[in-house]
Structures are given as C-alpha cells and as structure tokens.
C-alpha cells in the first residue's frame, strides 16, 4: 500500500469520508509516521549485496546495525567495521543482513519498507490516534485498532529478533 492508500484506509476506519482540513491532513500523515516508527523502532531489517574489493566494502546508507554476513555458499563470515566500511576477506560478493534507519513517509506514492501484510497496521495506528481524541464511543472503537496494532507490532518484533540472530536479551517479551 502507498501512503495515499494507507491514509484512505485510516479515514475509512475512523468513519471520516469527507475531505479534511490541512491541519487534520498533516496530522493523519504524522500519525502514520508515528505508527511506522513505533512498529520498527530499530529500523527495518533488509538483505543487501556487498561487493568487497581490497578487503573493504562501503556500508549501505542509513545503516544502523550489521547482523550477519554470508558468502556465496551461505556460510557465515567474520567481519569488522571501522570508518563506515566493512572489512572482510577474501574479495568477492557477500550477502549481509542489515538494520536500516527509517525514513518518514512523505510522498503519497511512497510505500513503507515493511512486509506488505503489515501496511494496514499503519492505518490501524492512525485510526486509533484519530479516534482517541473523540467521545467515549469513538474511544471504544479506537481501542480495537490500538490492540490490533500492538498485536502485529509484537509479532513483527519477534520475527525481526529471530532474523537478527542470537542476542543476549533477557526477558525481552515479559
């Protein structure tokens, strides 16, 4: 879904079918971006190809964490990072799992860098925020969207942690 489609879905969920004023319009996009940041607080986990020449390769733009590096055969490779470069040998093509920082959604045709099945969750978050400022009936409807968002957020966090690999985290989900 694009930002425009997420916005339309959030408005439908909130029961708003008429055009909004510019303040509400900006608020809706802000709510979607808040949900995006809350859903992926560490960024998005992506697979990138690294071409190592001379024992080094540049790290991707927006890099925040390097989870693992594998060679063409799928074997894990040892590496170290310094000066914005990854160092490993021998030279060649490697696959890396990296966390990339989020960029807020700004253009209406832009899509979030999360799995497609989670795009609707951003609409749930925006609908929750939009409805939570209303009266009691709206707040009760809003709670449904909030719970749906929290459930998907928890599932995504567990999937991301599993894809990152082993970590020394104690009681992360309690």
Foldseek 3Di string as FASTA:
>chain_A
DFQQVLLVLLCVLLVHDDDDDPVVVVLLLVQLQVLLCLLCVQADKDKDKFFDDPQKTADDPQFDFWQFKADPVRDTFDWDDDDRIIGDDDTGMIMTITGGHFDRRDDRGHDGPDDPVCSNLSSLRSNLVVQCVDDPVSNVSSVVSVVVNVVVSVVSVVVVCVVSPDDPDDPPPD
